[in-house]
Amino acid sequence: MSIGTIYEKAYKGDFNQVKVQLDTDASLIKTPDSNNRLLIHWAALGGNENLVDYLLRCDSPLEPQDDTCTTPLILAASAGRFEVVRLLVGKGANVNHKTNRNQTALHYASSKGHKEVVKFLINADANVNSVDVLGATPLHRAAAQGKTDIVEILLSSPHIKVNLCDSTGNTPLHLACEEEREGVASMLVKAGAQLDIKNKEEKTPLDLTSSKLKQTLLSLIE
């Protein structure tokens, strides 16, 4: 069996096959693939909690970084692997680690709509206002995607800042209005999102949306 396939086995959660190869060559636990990912990256992405736990007990690093500075926790959060996220955080993984584009586990979980993971990360002190290289917060991500349930969870955090602007000057409300996300836009306005903030093109959220949604949002502040 070639070395390449052990990463596939880890991703698929084939516990026995991975264990057999590690019993033969323990150095595989810390041998990176072509993207600088270790077995624990692939096991975390695949969502096999028992395999991740086993790899850690075999002295795998907890937070190795691949070629984009992505950790196993970020991969697990992005894929919605709640049990693995809980395990890694319980072992001390940094919930606020950033990739080379400054994206955190909460950015990924928010844009993908993984409710359980988002709740867990926030309760584990993930920074709800963390900004990526484009100035986007998890709230920007969820608002643009129309993830109403995720927006609701993020807004429930006492630390949330609803009017932060990304690199184009857009607030989460700008993005929700531009995409006609009525539910999200209404929630944001009720949470204190301002209707008069102008982006770098001198546009307010109301300038970006339909007359129908505009009237709906204006009625919320009357």
C-alpha atoms as a PDB file:
ATOM      1  CA  MET A   1       0.000   0.000   0.000  1.00  0.00           C
ATOM      2  CA  SER A   2       1.461   3.381  -0.996  1.00  0.00           C
ATOM      3  CA  ILE A   3       1.905   6.264   1.396  1.00  0.00           C
ATOM      4  CA  GLY A   4      -0.595   8.362  -0.576  1.00  0.00           C
ATOM      5  CA  THR A   5      -3.551   6.181   0.267  1.00  0.00           C
ATOM      6  CA  ILE A   6      -3.188   6.481   4.037  1.00  0.00           C
ATOM      7  CA  TYR A   7      -4.494  10.052   3.795  1.00  0.00           C
ATOM      8  CA  GLU A   8      -7.508   8.788   1.858  1.00  0.00           C
ATOM      9  CA  LYS A   9      -8.066   6.139   4.526  1.00  0.00           C
ATOM     10  CA  ALA A  10      -7.900   8.800   7.231  1.00  0.00           C
ATOM     11  CA  TYR A  11     -10.445  10.948   5.387  1.00  0.00           C
ATOM     12  CA  LYS A  12     -12.790   7.996   4.944  1.00  0.00           C
ATOM     13  CA  GLY A  13     -12.381   7.131   8.616  1.00  0.00           C
ATOM     14  CA  ASP A  14     -10.934   3.669   7.985  1.00  0.00           C
ATOM     15  CA  PHE A  15      -9.628   3.320  11.519  1.00  0.00           C
ATOM     16  CA  ASN A  16      -8.195  -0.195  11.163  1.00  0.00           C
ATOM     17  CA  GLN A  17      -6.307   0.461   7.936  1.00  0.00           C
ATOM     18  CA  VAL A  18      -4.740   3.623   9.329  1.00  0.00           C
ATOM     19  CA  LYS A  19      -3.795   1.837  12.554  1.00  0.00           C
ATOM     20  CA  VAL A  20      -2.175  -1.045  10.653  1.00  0.00           C
ATOM     21  CA  GLN A  21       0.010   1.358   8.689  1.00  0.00           C
ATOM     22  CA  LEU A  22       0.948   3.365  11.765  1.00  0.00           C
ATOM     23  CA  ASP A  23       1.857   0.159  13.600  1.00  0.00           C
ATOM     24  CA  THR A  24       4.235  -0.557  10.720  1.00  0.00           C
ATOM     25  CA  ASP A  25       5.627   2.974  10.433  1.00  0.00           C
ATOM     26  CA  ALA A  26       4.916   5.376  13.314  1.00  0.00           C
ATOM     27  CA  SER A  27       6.596   8.253  11.464  1.00  0.00           C
ATOM     28  CA  LEU A  28       3.533   8.506   9.187  1.00  0.00           C
ATOM     29  CA  ILE A  29       1.740  10.322  12.012  1.00  0.00           C
ATOM     30  CA  LYS A  30       3.860  13.402  11.286  1.00  0.00           C
ATOM     31  CA  THR A  31       4.477  12.924   7.561  1.00  0.00           C
ATOM     32  CA  PRO A  32       2.830  15.681   5.495  1.00  0.00           C
ATOM     33  CA  ASP A  33       1.208  15.167   2.121  1.00  0.00           C
ATOM     34  CA  SER A  34       1.762  17.436  -0.908  1.00  0.00           C
ATOM     35  CA  ASN A  35      -0.421  20.140   0.662  1.00  0.00           C
ATOM     36  CA  ASN A  36       1.430  19.898   3.970  1.00  0.00           C
ATOM     37  CA  ARG A  37      -1.543  18.176   5.579  1.00  0.00           C
ATOM     38  CA  LEU A  38      -1.080  15.472   8.180  1.00  0.00           C
ATOM     39  CA  LEU A  39      -3.320  12.501   8.846  1.00  0.00           C
ATOM     40  CA  ILE A  40      -5.152  14.456  11.546  1.00  0.00           C
ATOM     41  CA  HIS A  41      -6.164  17.089   8.978  1.00  0.00           C
ATOM     42  CA  TRP A  42      -7.820  14.416   6.851  1.00  0.00           C
ATOM     43  CA  ALA A  43      -9.402  12.568   9.773  1.00  0.00           C
ATOM     44  CA  ALA A  44     -10.844  15.855  11.084  1.00  0.00           C
ATOM     45  CA  LEU A  45     -12.212  16.797   7.670  1.00  0.00           C
ATOM     46  CA  GLY A  46     -13.775  13.361   7.311  1.00  0.00           C
ATOM     47  CA  GLY A  47     -15.391  13.655  10.733  1.00  0.00           C
ATOM     48  CA  ASN A  48     -14.075  10.501  12.403  1.00  0.00           C
ATOM     49  CA  GLU A  49     -13.896  11.485  16.054  1.00  0.00           C
ATOM     50  CA  ASN A  50     -12.409   8.166  17.200  1.00  0.00           C
ATOM     51  CA  LEU A  51      -9.640   8.305  14.618  1.00  0.00           C
ATOM     52  CA  VAL A  52      -8.781  11.905  15.493  1.00  0.00           C
ATOM     53  CA  ASP A  53      -8.615  10.953  19.161  1.00  0.00           C
ATOM     54  CA  TYR A  54      -6.417   7.946  18.335  1.00  0.00           C
ATOM     55  CA  LEU A  55      -4.029  10.078  16.259  1.00  0.00           C
ATOM     56  CA  LEU A  56      -3.678  12.530  19.142  1.00  0.00           C
ATOM     57  CA  ARG A  57      -2.915   9.674  21.514  1.00  0.00           C
ATOM     58  CA  CYS A  58      -0.239   8.587  19.052  1.00  0.00           C
ATOM     59  CA  ASP A  59       1.428  12.002  19.480  1.00  0.00           C
ATOM     60  CA  SER A  60       0.005  13.719  16.428  1.00  0.00           C
ATOM     61  CA  PRO A  61       0.295  17.503  16.685  1.00  0.00           C
ATOM     62  CA  LEU A  62      -3.011  19.077  17.720  1.00  0.00           C
ATOM     63  CA  GLU A  63      -2.769  22.116  15.481  1.00  0.00           C
ATOM     64  CA  PRO A  64      -0.535  21.438  12.478  1.00  0.00           C
ATOM     65  CA  GLN A  65      -0.952  23.943   9.654  1.00  0.00           C
ATOM     66  CA  ASP A  66      -1.249  22.991   6.001  1.00  0.00           C
ATOM     67  CA  ASP A  67       0.015  25.132   3.120  1.00  0.00           C
ATOM     68  CA  THR A  68      -2.799  27.651   3.697  1.00  0.00           C
ATOM     69  CA  CYS A  69      -2.211  27.769   7.492  1.00  0.00           C
ATOM     70  CA  THR A  70      -5.409  25.761   7.982  1.00  0.00           C
ATOM     71  CA  THR A  71      -5.670  23.604  11.111  1.00  0.00           C
ATOM     72  CA  PRO A  72      -7.684  20.407  11.653  1.00  0.00           C
ATOM     73  CA  LEU A  73     -10.180  22.435  13.709  1.00  0.00           C
ATOM     74  CA  ILE A  74     -10.867  24.808  10.820  1.00  0.00           C
ATOM     75  CA  LEU A  75     -11.376  21.873   8.435  1.00  0.00           C
ATOM     76  CA  ALA A  76     -13.732  20.152  10.865  1.00  0.00           C
ATOM     77  CA  ALA A  77     -15.723  23.366  11.392  1.00  0.00           C
ATOM     78  CA  SER A  78     -15.962  23.992   7.655  1.00  0.00           C
ATOM     79  CA  ALA A  79     -17.306  20.482   7.092  1.00  0.00           C
ATOM     80  CA  GLY A  80     -19.735  20.692  10.002  1.00  0.00           C
ATOM     81  CA  ARG A  81     -18.041  17.898  11.949  1.00  0.00           C
ATOM     82  CA  PHE A  82     -19.425  18.837  15.350  1.00  0.00           C
ATOM     83  CA  GLU A  83     -18.021  15.903  17.338  1.00  0.00           C
ATOM     84  CA  VAL A  84     -14.519  16.499  15.991  1.00  0.00           C
ATOM     85  CA  VAL A  85     -14.767  20.241  16.663  1.00  0.00           C
ATOM     86  CA  ARG A  86     -15.806  19.511  20.243  1.00  0.00           C
ATOM     87  CA  LEU A  87     -12.969  17.026  20.681  1.00  0.00           C
ATOM     88  CA  LEU A  88     -10.269  19.328  19.290  1.00  0.00           C
ATOM     89  CA  VAL A  89     -11.411  22.337  21.299  1.00  0.00           C
ATOM     90  CA  GLY A  90     -11.580  20.141  24.382  1.00  0.00           C
ATOM     91  CA  LYS A  91      -7.942  19.187  23.784  1.00  0.00           C
ATOM     92  CA  GLY A  92      -6.986  22.861  23.629  1.00  0.00           C
ATOM     93  CA  ALA A  93      -7.180  23.775  19.933  1.00  0.00           C
ATOM     94  CA  ASN A  94      -7.235  27.532  19.330  1.00  0.00           C
ATOM     95  CA  VAL A  95     -10.747  28.540  18.205  1.00  0.00           C
ATOM     96  CA  ASN A  96      -9.434  31.852  16.870  1.00  0.00           C
ATOM     97  CA  HIS A  97      -6.600  30.534  14.707  1.00  0.00           C
ATOM     98  CA  LYS A  98      -6.566  32.175  11.270  1.00  0.00           C
ATOM     99  CA  THR A  99      -5.692  30.828   7.844  1.00  0.00           C
ATOM    100  CA  ASN A 100      -3.415  32.747   5.497  1.00  0.00           C
ATOM    101  CA  ARG A 101      -6.537  34.688   4.453  1.00  0.00           C
ATOM    102  CA  ASN A 102      -7.346  35.455   8.104  1.00  0.00           C
ATOM    103  CA  GLN A 103     -10.380  33.179   8.092  1.00  0.00           C
ATOM    104  CA  THR A 104     -11.330  31.438  11.325  1.00  0.00           C
ATOM    105  CA  ALA A 105     -13.318  28.317  12.073  1.00  0.00           C
ATOM    106  CA  LEU A 106     -16.299  30.576  12.808  1.00  0.00           C
ATOM    107  CA  HIS A 107     -16.046  32.229   9.370  1.00  0.00           C
ATOM    108  CA  TYR A 108     -16.307  28.843   7.680  1.00  0.00           C
ATOM    109  CA  ALA A 109     -19.009  27.399   9.923  1.00  0.00           C
ATOM    110  CA  SER A 110     -21.082  30.577   9.518  1.00  0.00           C
ATOM    111  CA  SER A 111     -20.916  30.701   5.732  1.00  0.00           C
ATOM    112  CA  LYS A 112     -21.639  26.972   5.452  1.00  0.00           C
ATOM    113  CA  GLY A 113     -24.599  27.167   7.834  1.00  0.00           C
ATOM    114  CA  HIS A 114     -23.412  24.717  10.504  1.00  0.00           C
ATOM    115  CA  LYS A 115     -25.604  25.787  13.441  1.00  0.00           C
ATOM    116  CA  GLU A 116     -24.312  23.399  16.098  1.00  0.00           C
ATOM    117  CA  VAL A 117     -20.712  24.230  15.288  1.00  0.00           C
ATOM    118  CA  VAL A 118     -21.367  27.990  15.289  1.00  0.00           C
ATOM    119  CA  LYS A 119     -23.061  27.812  18.699  1.00  0.00           C
ATOM    120  CA  PHE A 120     -20.270  25.698  20.116  1.00  0.00           C
ATOM    121  CA  LEU A 121     -17.483  27.937  18.817  1.00  0.00           C
ATOM    122  CA  ILE A 122     -19.137  31.067  20.200  1.00  0.00           C
ATOM    123  CA  ASN A 123     -19.546  29.385  23.575  1.00  0.00           C
ATOM    124  CA  ALA A 124     -15.860  28.452  23.374  1.00  0.00           C
ATOM    125  CA  ASP A 125     -14.959  32.163  23.063  1.00  0.00           C
ATOM    126  CA  ALA A 126     -14.549  32.401  19.306  1.00  0.00           C
ATOM    127  CA  ASN A 127     -14.241  36.043  18.283  1.00  0.00           C
ATOM    128  CA  VAL A 128     -17.561  36.865  16.582  1.00  0.00           C
ATOM    129  CA  ASN A 129     -16.100  40.045  15.089  1.00  0.00           C
ATOM    130  CA  SER A 130     -12.945  38.524  13.601  1.00  0.00           C
ATOM    131  CA  VAL A 131     -12.169  39.952  10.143  1.00  0.00           C
ATOM    132  CA  ASP A 132     -10.617  38.166   7.176  1.00  0.00           C
ATOM    133  CA  VAL A 133      -8.368  39.708   4.505  1.00  0.00           C
ATOM    134  CA  LEU A 134     -11.419  41.274   2.863  1.00  0.00           C
ATOM    135  CA  GLY A 135     -12.590  42.759   6.156  1.00  0.00           C
ATOM    136  CA  ALA A 136     -15.503  40.339   6.350  1.00  0.00           C
ATOM    137  CA  THR A 137     -16.767  39.028   9.680  1.00  0.00           C
ATOM    138  CA  PRO A 138     -18.700  35.792  10.202  1.00  0.00           C
ATOM    139  CA  LEU A 139     -21.830  37.981  10.205  1.00  0.00           C
ATOM    140  CA  HIS A 140     -20.934  39.338   6.753  1.00  0.00           C
ATOM    141  CA  ARG A 141     -20.570  35.752   5.537  1.00  0.00           C
ATOM    142  CA  ALA A 142     -23.859  34.520   6.987  1.00  0.00           C
ATOM    143  CA  ALA A 143     -25.796  37.622   5.892  1.00  0.00           C
ATOM    144  CA  ALA A 144     -24.578  37.401   2.305  1.00  0.00           C
ATOM    145  CA  GLN A 145     -25.525  33.725   2.177  1.00  0.00           C
ATOM    146  CA  GLY A 146     -28.960  34.333   3.667  1.00  0.00           C
ATOM    147  CA  LYS A 147     -28.275  32.009   6.594  1.00  0.00           C
ATOM    148  CA  THR A 148     -31.067  33.332   8.804  1.00  0.00           C
ATOM    149  CA  ASP A 149     -30.528  30.826  11.608  1.00  0.00           C
ATOM    150  CA  ILE A 150     -26.784  31.556  11.722  1.00  0.00           C
ATOM    151  CA  VAL A 151     -27.379  35.317  11.733  1.00  0.00           C
ATOM    152  CA  GLU A 152     -29.765  34.819  14.654  1.00  0.00           C
ATOM    153  CA  ILE A 153     -27.119  32.905  16.621  1.00  0.00           C
ATOM    154  CA  LEU A 154     -24.415  35.486  15.887  1.00  0.00           C
ATOM    155  CA  LEU A 155     -26.706  38.363  16.861  1.00  0.00           C
ATOM    156  CA  SER A 156     -27.396  36.672  20.200  1.00  0.00           C
ATOM    157  CA  SER A 157     -23.750  37.191  21.175  1.00  0.00           C
ATOM    158  CA  PRO A 158     -23.346  40.201  23.489  1.00  0.00           C
ATOM    159  CA  HIS A 159     -20.081  41.014  21.715  1.00  0.00           C
ATOM    160  CA  ILE A 160     -21.450  41.231  18.171  1.00  0.00           C
ATOM    161  CA  LYS A 161     -20.855  44.427  16.195  1.00  0.00           C
ATOM    162  CA  VAL A 162     -23.495  44.692  13.489  1.00  0.00           C
ATOM    163  CA  ASN A 163     -22.173  47.747  11.644  1.00  0.00           C
ATOM    164  CA  LEU A 164     -18.601  46.733  10.838  1.00  0.00           C
ATOM    165  CA  CYS A 165     -17.583  47.497   7.241  1.00  0.00           C
ATOM    166  CA  ASP A 166     -15.619  45.151   5.007  1.00  0.00           C
ATOM    167  CA  SER A 167     -12.919  46.252   2.548  1.00  0.00           C
ATOM    168  CA  THR A 168     -15.551  47.599   0.123  1.00  0.00           C
ATOM    169  CA  GLY A 169     -17.310  49.522   2.878  1.00  0.00           C
ATOM    170  CA  ASN A 170     -20.223  47.128   3.052  1.00  0.00           C
ATOM    171  CA  THR A 171     -21.868  46.199   6.331  1.00  0.00           C
ATOM    172  CA  PRO A 172     -23.662  42.864   6.725  1.00  0.00           C
ATOM    173  CA  LEU A 173     -26.887  44.807   6.026  1.00  0.00           C
ATOM    174  CA  HIS A 174     -25.515  46.027   2.684  1.00  0.00           C
ATOM    175  CA  LEU A 175     -24.871  42.426   1.672  1.00  0.00           C
ATOM    176  CA  ALA A 176     -28.264  41.183   2.849  1.00  0.00           C
ATOM    177  CA  CYS A 177     -30.036  43.996   0.987  1.00  0.00           C
ATOM    178  CA  GLU A 178     -28.039  43.479  -2.178  1.00  0.00           C
ATOM    179  CA  GLU A 179     -29.035  39.816  -2.218  1.00  0.00           C
ATOM    180  CA  GLU A 180     -32.668  40.549  -1.253  1.00  0.00           C
ATOM    181  CA  ARG A 181     -32.360  38.542   1.967  1.00  0.00           C
ATOM    182  CA  GLU A 182     -35.486  39.945   3.619  1.00  0.00           C
ATOM    183  CA  GLY A 183     -35.393  37.773   6.734  1.00  0.00           C
ATOM    184  CA  VAL A 184     -31.736  38.491   7.422  1.00  0.00           C
ATOM    185  CA  ALA A 185     -32.029  42.201   6.640  1.00  0.00           C
ATOM    186  CA  SER A 186     -34.996  42.567   8.997  1.00  0.00           C
ATOM    187  CA  MET A 187     -33.145  40.801  11.801  1.00  0.00           C
ATOM    188  CA  LEU A 188     -30.114  43.022  11.326  1.00  0.00           C
ATOM    189  CA  VAL A 189     -32.162  46.231  11.436  1.00  0.00           C
ATOM    190  CA  LYS A 190     -33.941  45.049  14.591  1.00  0.00           C
ATOM    191  CA  ALA A 191     -30.484  44.390  16.083  1.00  0.00           C
ATOM    192  CA  GLY A 192     -29.342  47.936  15.385  1.00  0.00           C
ATOM    193  CA  ALA A 193     -27.926  47.790  11.868  1.00  0.00           C
ATOM    194  CA  GLN A 194     -27.824  51.291  10.410  1.00  0.00           C
ATOM    195  CA  LEU A 195     -29.630  52.082   7.169  1.00  0.00           C
ATOM    196  CA  ASP A 196     -27.576  55.182   6.373  1.00  0.00           C
ATOM    197  CA  ILE A 197     -23.999  53.854   6.290  1.00  0.00           C
ATOM    198  CA  LYS A 198     -22.442  54.415   2.873  1.00  0.00           C
ATOM    199  CA  ASN A 199     -20.034  51.952   1.277  1.00  0.00           C
ATOM    200  CA  LYS A 200     -17.069  52.976  -0.877  1.00  0.00           C
ATOM    201  CA  GLU A 201     -19.422  53.516  -3.810  1.00  0.00           C
ATOM    202  CA  GLU A 202     -21.447  55.935  -1.651  1.00  0.00           C
ATOM    203  CA  LYS A 203     -24.339  53.471  -1.497  1.00  0.00           C
ATOM    204  CA  THR A 204     -26.422  52.808   1.606  1.00  0.00           C
ATOM    205  CA  PRO A 205     -28.068  49.415   2.162  1.00  0.00           C
ATOM    206  CA  LEU A 206     -31.361  50.919   0.948  1.00  0.00           C
ATOM    207  CA  ASP A 207     -29.718  51.996  -2.314  1.00  0.00           C
ATOM    208  CA  LEU A 208     -28.929  48.364  -3.077  1.00  0.00           C
ATOM    209  CA  THR A 209     -32.322  46.794  -2.624  1.00  0.00           C
ATOM    210  CA  SER A 210     -35.829  46.671  -4.053  1.00  0.00           C
ATOM    211  CA  SER A 211     -38.485  49.224  -3.139  1.00  0.00           C
ATOM    212  CA  LYS A 212     -40.458  46.450  -1.419  1.00  0.00           C
ATOM    213  CA  LEU A 213     -37.638  45.477   0.946  1.00  0.00           C
ATOM    214  CA  LYS A 214     -36.778  49.143   1.427  1.00  0.00           C
ATOM    215  CA  GLN A 215     -40.294  49.839   2.709  1.00  0.00           C
ATOM    216  CA  THR A 216     -40.185  46.771   4.948  1.00  0.00           C
ATOM    217  CA  LEU A 217     -36.937  47.891   6.565  1.00  0.00           C
ATOM    218  CA  LEU A 218     -38.029  51.506   6.972  1.00  0.00           C
ATOM    219  CA  SER A 219     -41.204  50.334   8.715  1.00  0.00           C
ATOM    220  CA  LEU A 220     -39.056  48.586  11.333  1.00  0.00           C
ATOM    221  CA  ILE A 221     -37.511  51.847  12.529  1.00  0.00           C
ATOM    222  CA  GLU A 222     -40.604  54.011  12.538  1.00  0.00           C
END
